[in-house]
N, C-alpha and C. Protein backbone atom coordinates (compact mmCIF):
# COMPACT_ATOMS: atom_id res chain seq x y z
N MET A 1 -17.83 -0.34 3.61
CA MET A 1 -16.52 -0.89 3.40
C MET A 1 -16.49 -2.34 3.84
N SER A 2 -16.45 -3.23 2.90
CA SER A 2 -16.37 -4.63 3.25
C SER A 2 -14.97 -5.16 2.97
N GLN A 3 -14.56 -6.11 3.77
CA GLN A 3 -13.23 -6.67 3.59
C GLN A 3 -13.21 -7.57 2.36
N GLN A 4 -12.15 -7.43 1.57
CA GLN A 4 -11.94 -8.28 0.40
C GLN A 4 -10.76 -9.19 0.69
N LYS A 5 -10.57 -10.22 -0.14
CA LYS A 5 -9.46 -11.15 0.04
C LYS A 5 -8.71 -11.30 -1.28
N THR A 6 -7.39 -11.45 -1.16
CA THR A 6 -6.54 -11.62 -2.34
C THR A 6 -5.19 -12.17 -1.91
N LYS A 7 -4.39 -12.62 -2.88
CA LYS A 7 -3.00 -13.01 -2.63
C LYS A 7 -2.03 -11.96 -3.16
N ARG A 8 -2.55 -11.00 -3.94
CA ARG A 8 -1.70 -9.95 -4.54
C ARG A 8 -2.48 -8.64 -4.54
N LEU A 9 -1.86 -7.59 -3.99
CA LEU A 9 -2.53 -6.29 -3.89
C LEU A 9 -1.56 -5.18 -4.28
N VAL A 10 -1.95 -4.35 -5.24
CA VAL A 10 -1.17 -3.17 -5.60
C VAL A 10 -1.54 -2.07 -4.61
N LEU A 11 -0.57 -1.67 -3.78
CA LEU A 11 -0.82 -0.65 -2.76
C LEU A 11 -0.77 0.75 -3.34
N SER A 12 0.14 0.97 -4.27
CA SER A 12 0.22 2.28 -4.92
C SER A 12 0.95 2.12 -6.25
N GLU A 13 0.68 3.04 -7.14
CA GLU A 13 1.29 3.01 -8.47
C GLU A 13 1.81 4.39 -8.81
N GLY A 14 3.03 4.45 -9.32
CA GLY A 14 3.63 5.73 -9.71
C GLY A 14 2.92 6.32 -10.91
N GLU A 15 2.85 7.63 -10.95
CA GLU A 15 2.18 8.34 -12.05
C GLU A 15 2.99 8.35 -13.33
N THR A 16 4.29 8.50 -13.23
CA THR A 16 5.11 8.76 -14.41
C THR A 16 5.47 7.50 -15.19
N ILE A 17 6.14 6.54 -14.54
CA ILE A 17 6.59 5.37 -15.28
C ILE A 17 5.94 4.07 -14.80
N GLY A 18 4.96 4.16 -13.95
CA GLY A 18 4.16 3.00 -13.60
C GLY A 18 4.75 2.03 -12.60
N HIS A 19 5.78 2.42 -11.85
CA HIS A 19 6.29 1.54 -10.80
C HIS A 19 5.20 1.33 -9.76
N LYS A 20 5.19 0.13 -9.17
CA LYS A 20 4.14 -0.22 -8.22
C LYS A 20 4.74 -0.73 -6.92
N HIS A 21 4.05 -0.47 -5.81
CA HIS A 21 4.30 -1.15 -4.55
C HIS A 21 3.27 -2.27 -4.50
N VAL A 22 3.75 -3.52 -4.46
CA VAL A 22 2.87 -4.68 -4.52
C VAL A 22 3.10 -5.57 -3.30
N LEU A 23 2.01 -5.97 -2.66
CA LEU A 23 2.07 -6.90 -1.53
C LEU A 23 1.55 -8.25 -2.01
N GLU A 24 2.36 -9.31 -1.78
CA GLU A 24 1.96 -10.66 -2.18
C GLU A 24 2.16 -11.62 -1.01
N SER A 25 1.30 -12.64 -0.98
CA SER A 25 1.38 -13.67 0.05
C SER A 25 0.96 -15.00 -0.55
N LYS A 26 1.42 -16.10 0.05
CA LYS A 26 1.04 -17.43 -0.44
C LYS A 26 -0.43 -17.74 -0.13
N ARG A 27 -0.94 -17.15 0.94
CA ARG A 27 -2.34 -17.36 1.32
C ARG A 27 -3.12 -16.08 1.14
N ASP A 28 -4.41 -16.22 0.89
CA ASP A 28 -5.27 -15.04 0.81
C ASP A 28 -5.15 -14.22 2.09
N PHE A 29 -5.15 -12.90 1.93
CA PHE A 29 -5.17 -12.00 3.08
C PHE A 29 -6.30 -11.00 2.89
N GLY A 30 -6.76 -10.46 4.00
CA GLY A 30 -7.87 -9.52 3.95
C GLY A 30 -7.38 -8.09 3.82
N PHE A 31 -8.18 -7.27 3.13
CA PHE A 31 -7.86 -5.85 3.05
C PHE A 31 -9.14 -5.06 2.86
N THR A 32 -9.11 -3.83 3.35
CA THR A 32 -10.23 -2.90 3.21
C THR A 32 -9.67 -1.55 2.80
N ARG A 33 -10.17 -0.99 1.70
CA ARG A 33 -9.75 0.33 1.22
C ARG A 33 -10.68 1.40 1.77
N THR A 34 -10.09 2.51 2.20
CA THR A 34 -10.86 3.70 2.56
C THR A 34 -10.33 4.84 1.69
N ASP A 35 -10.86 6.03 1.88
CA ASP A 35 -10.37 7.18 1.12
C ASP A 35 -8.94 7.54 1.49
N PHE A 36 -8.50 7.17 2.69
CA PHE A 36 -7.22 7.62 3.19
C PHE A 36 -6.17 6.53 3.37
N CYS A 37 -6.59 5.28 3.44
CA CYS A 37 -5.62 4.22 3.68
C CYS A 37 -6.19 2.86 3.28
N ILE A 38 -5.33 1.84 3.39
CA ILE A 38 -5.74 0.45 3.18
C ILE A 38 -5.40 -0.30 4.46
N PHE A 39 -6.40 -0.96 5.05
CA PHE A 39 -6.19 -1.83 6.20
C PHE A 39 -5.90 -3.23 5.67
N ILE A 40 -4.85 -3.86 6.20
CA ILE A 40 -4.41 -5.17 5.71
C ILE A 40 -4.31 -6.13 6.88
N GLN A 41 -4.80 -7.35 6.69
CA GLN A 41 -4.69 -8.40 7.70
C GLN A 41 -4.00 -9.60 7.06
N LEU A 42 -2.68 -9.75 7.34
CA LEU A 42 -1.92 -10.87 6.79
C LEU A 42 -2.08 -12.10 7.66
N ILE A 43 -2.45 -13.21 7.05
CA ILE A 43 -2.58 -14.49 7.74
C ILE A 43 -1.24 -15.22 7.73
N ASP A 44 -0.49 -15.03 6.64
CA ASP A 44 0.81 -15.66 6.43
C ASP A 44 1.81 -14.54 6.12
N GLN A 45 3.05 -14.89 5.99
CA GLN A 45 4.07 -13.90 5.65
C GLN A 45 3.76 -13.23 4.32
N GLY A 46 4.04 -11.95 4.22
CA GLY A 46 3.83 -11.20 2.98
C GLY A 46 5.13 -10.59 2.50
N ILE A 47 5.22 -10.36 1.19
CA ILE A 47 6.40 -9.75 0.59
C ILE A 47 5.95 -8.47 -0.10
N LEU A 48 6.55 -7.34 0.29
CA LEU A 48 6.27 -6.05 -0.34
C LEU A 48 7.40 -5.76 -1.32
N THR A 49 7.05 -5.55 -2.60
CA THR A 49 8.06 -5.30 -3.62
C THR A 49 7.80 -3.99 -4.34
N HIS A 50 8.89 -3.46 -4.92
CA HIS A 50 8.86 -2.25 -5.74
C HIS A 50 10.01 -2.37 -6.73
N ASP A 51 9.81 -1.86 -7.93
CA ASP A 51 10.82 -1.99 -8.98
C ASP A 51 12.17 -1.37 -8.62
N GLU A 52 12.19 -0.37 -7.76
CA GLU A 52 13.43 0.34 -7.45
C GLU A 52 13.94 0.12 -6.03
N HIS A 53 13.31 -0.75 -5.25
CA HIS A 53 13.72 -0.95 -3.86
C HIS A 53 13.88 -2.44 -3.57
N ASP A 54 14.61 -2.74 -2.49
CA ASP A 54 14.68 -4.12 -2.03
C ASP A 54 13.31 -4.55 -1.51
N ARG A 55 13.07 -5.84 -1.52
CA ARG A 55 11.79 -6.33 -1.01
C ARG A 55 11.78 -6.24 0.51
N ILE A 56 10.59 -6.16 1.07
CA ILE A 56 10.41 -6.10 2.52
C ILE A 56 9.51 -7.27 2.92
N VAL A 57 9.97 -8.06 3.88
CA VAL A 57 9.19 -9.20 4.37
C VAL A 57 8.34 -8.72 5.54
N LEU A 58 7.04 -8.97 5.47
CA LEU A 58 6.10 -8.62 6.54
C LEU A 58 5.60 -9.89 7.20
N GLU A 59 5.67 -9.92 8.50
CA GLU A 59 5.17 -11.07 9.26
C GLU A 59 3.65 -10.98 9.37
N PRO A 60 2.98 -12.11 9.66
CA PRO A 60 1.53 -12.07 9.83
C PRO A 60 1.13 -11.02 10.86
N GLY A 61 0.04 -10.33 10.59
CA GLY A 61 -0.43 -9.30 11.50
C GLY A 61 -1.27 -8.26 10.79
N SER A 62 -1.58 -7.20 11.49
CA SER A 62 -2.40 -6.11 10.96
C SER A 62 -1.51 -4.94 10.56
N TYR A 63 -1.81 -4.36 9.39
CA TYR A 63 -1.04 -3.24 8.86
C TYR A 63 -1.97 -2.20 8.26
N ARG A 64 -1.44 -0.99 8.11
CA ARG A 64 -2.14 0.09 7.40
C ARG A 64 -1.18 0.69 6.39
N SER A 65 -1.66 0.95 5.20
CA SER A 65 -0.88 1.62 4.17
C SER A 65 -1.53 2.97 3.89
N TYR A 66 -0.76 4.04 4.10
CA TYR A 66 -1.28 5.40 3.90
C TYR A 66 -0.72 6.01 2.63
N ASN A 67 -1.49 6.91 2.04
CA ASN A 67 -0.97 7.73 0.96
C ASN A 67 -0.24 8.91 1.59
N GLN A 68 0.99 9.13 1.16
CA GLN A 68 1.78 10.24 1.71
C GLN A 68 1.30 11.55 1.10
N VAL A 69 1.24 12.58 1.93
CA VAL A 69 0.83 13.91 1.47
C VAL A 69 1.88 14.93 1.88
N GLU A 70 1.89 16.06 1.19
CA GLU A 70 2.78 17.15 1.58
C GLU A 70 2.00 18.45 1.64
N PHE A 71 2.39 19.30 2.56
CA PHE A 71 1.74 20.58 2.77
C PHE A 71 2.57 21.67 2.13
N ASN A 72 1.92 22.56 1.37
CA ASN A 72 2.57 23.71 0.76
C ASN A 72 2.19 24.95 1.57
N PRO A 73 3.11 25.48 2.37
CA PRO A 73 2.78 26.63 3.22
C PRO A 73 2.57 27.92 2.43
N MET A 74 3.03 27.95 1.19
CA MET A 74 2.86 29.16 0.38
C MET A 74 1.40 29.41 0.02
N ASP A 75 0.67 28.33 -0.25
CA ASP A 75 -0.74 28.51 -0.61
C ASP A 75 -1.69 27.70 0.28
N ASN A 76 -1.15 27.13 1.38
CA ASN A 76 -1.96 26.36 2.35
C ASN A 76 -2.71 25.20 1.71
N THR A 77 -2.07 24.49 0.79
CA THR A 77 -2.70 23.34 0.16
C THR A 77 -1.99 22.06 0.56
N VAL A 78 -2.72 20.96 0.47
CA VAL A 78 -2.17 19.64 0.72
C VAL A 78 -2.30 18.85 -0.57
N HIS A 79 -1.20 18.20 -0.98
CA HIS A 79 -1.20 17.41 -2.20
C HIS A 79 -0.69 16.01 -1.90
N ARG A 80 -1.23 15.04 -2.59
CA ARG A 80 -0.76 13.68 -2.47
C ARG A 80 0.60 13.56 -3.15
N VAL A 81 1.51 12.82 -2.51
CA VAL A 81 2.84 12.59 -3.06
C VAL A 81 2.79 11.34 -3.91
N PHE A 82 3.29 11.43 -5.14
CA PHE A 82 3.32 10.28 -6.03
C PHE A 82 4.74 9.76 -6.15
N ASP A 83 4.86 8.47 -6.31
CA ASP A 83 6.16 7.80 -6.42
C ASP A 83 6.74 8.01 -7.81
């Protein structure tokens, strides 16, 4: 897992109509994807946007973005939650 750099990163994308959670910054920021999350290192302020939500301003710092999961007690399975 090597760190990559970008000014725009799609954190997640909805399955049905393609809405996206997108993080953007004026300066390149570092990120590393794993099977379970994305580690993000913002150098400058970042803006998190989504088609159906207000934007969220993130200050410089370290962040993690996780995929949400839900547990089904009826069959003891775990499924990823899609937006």
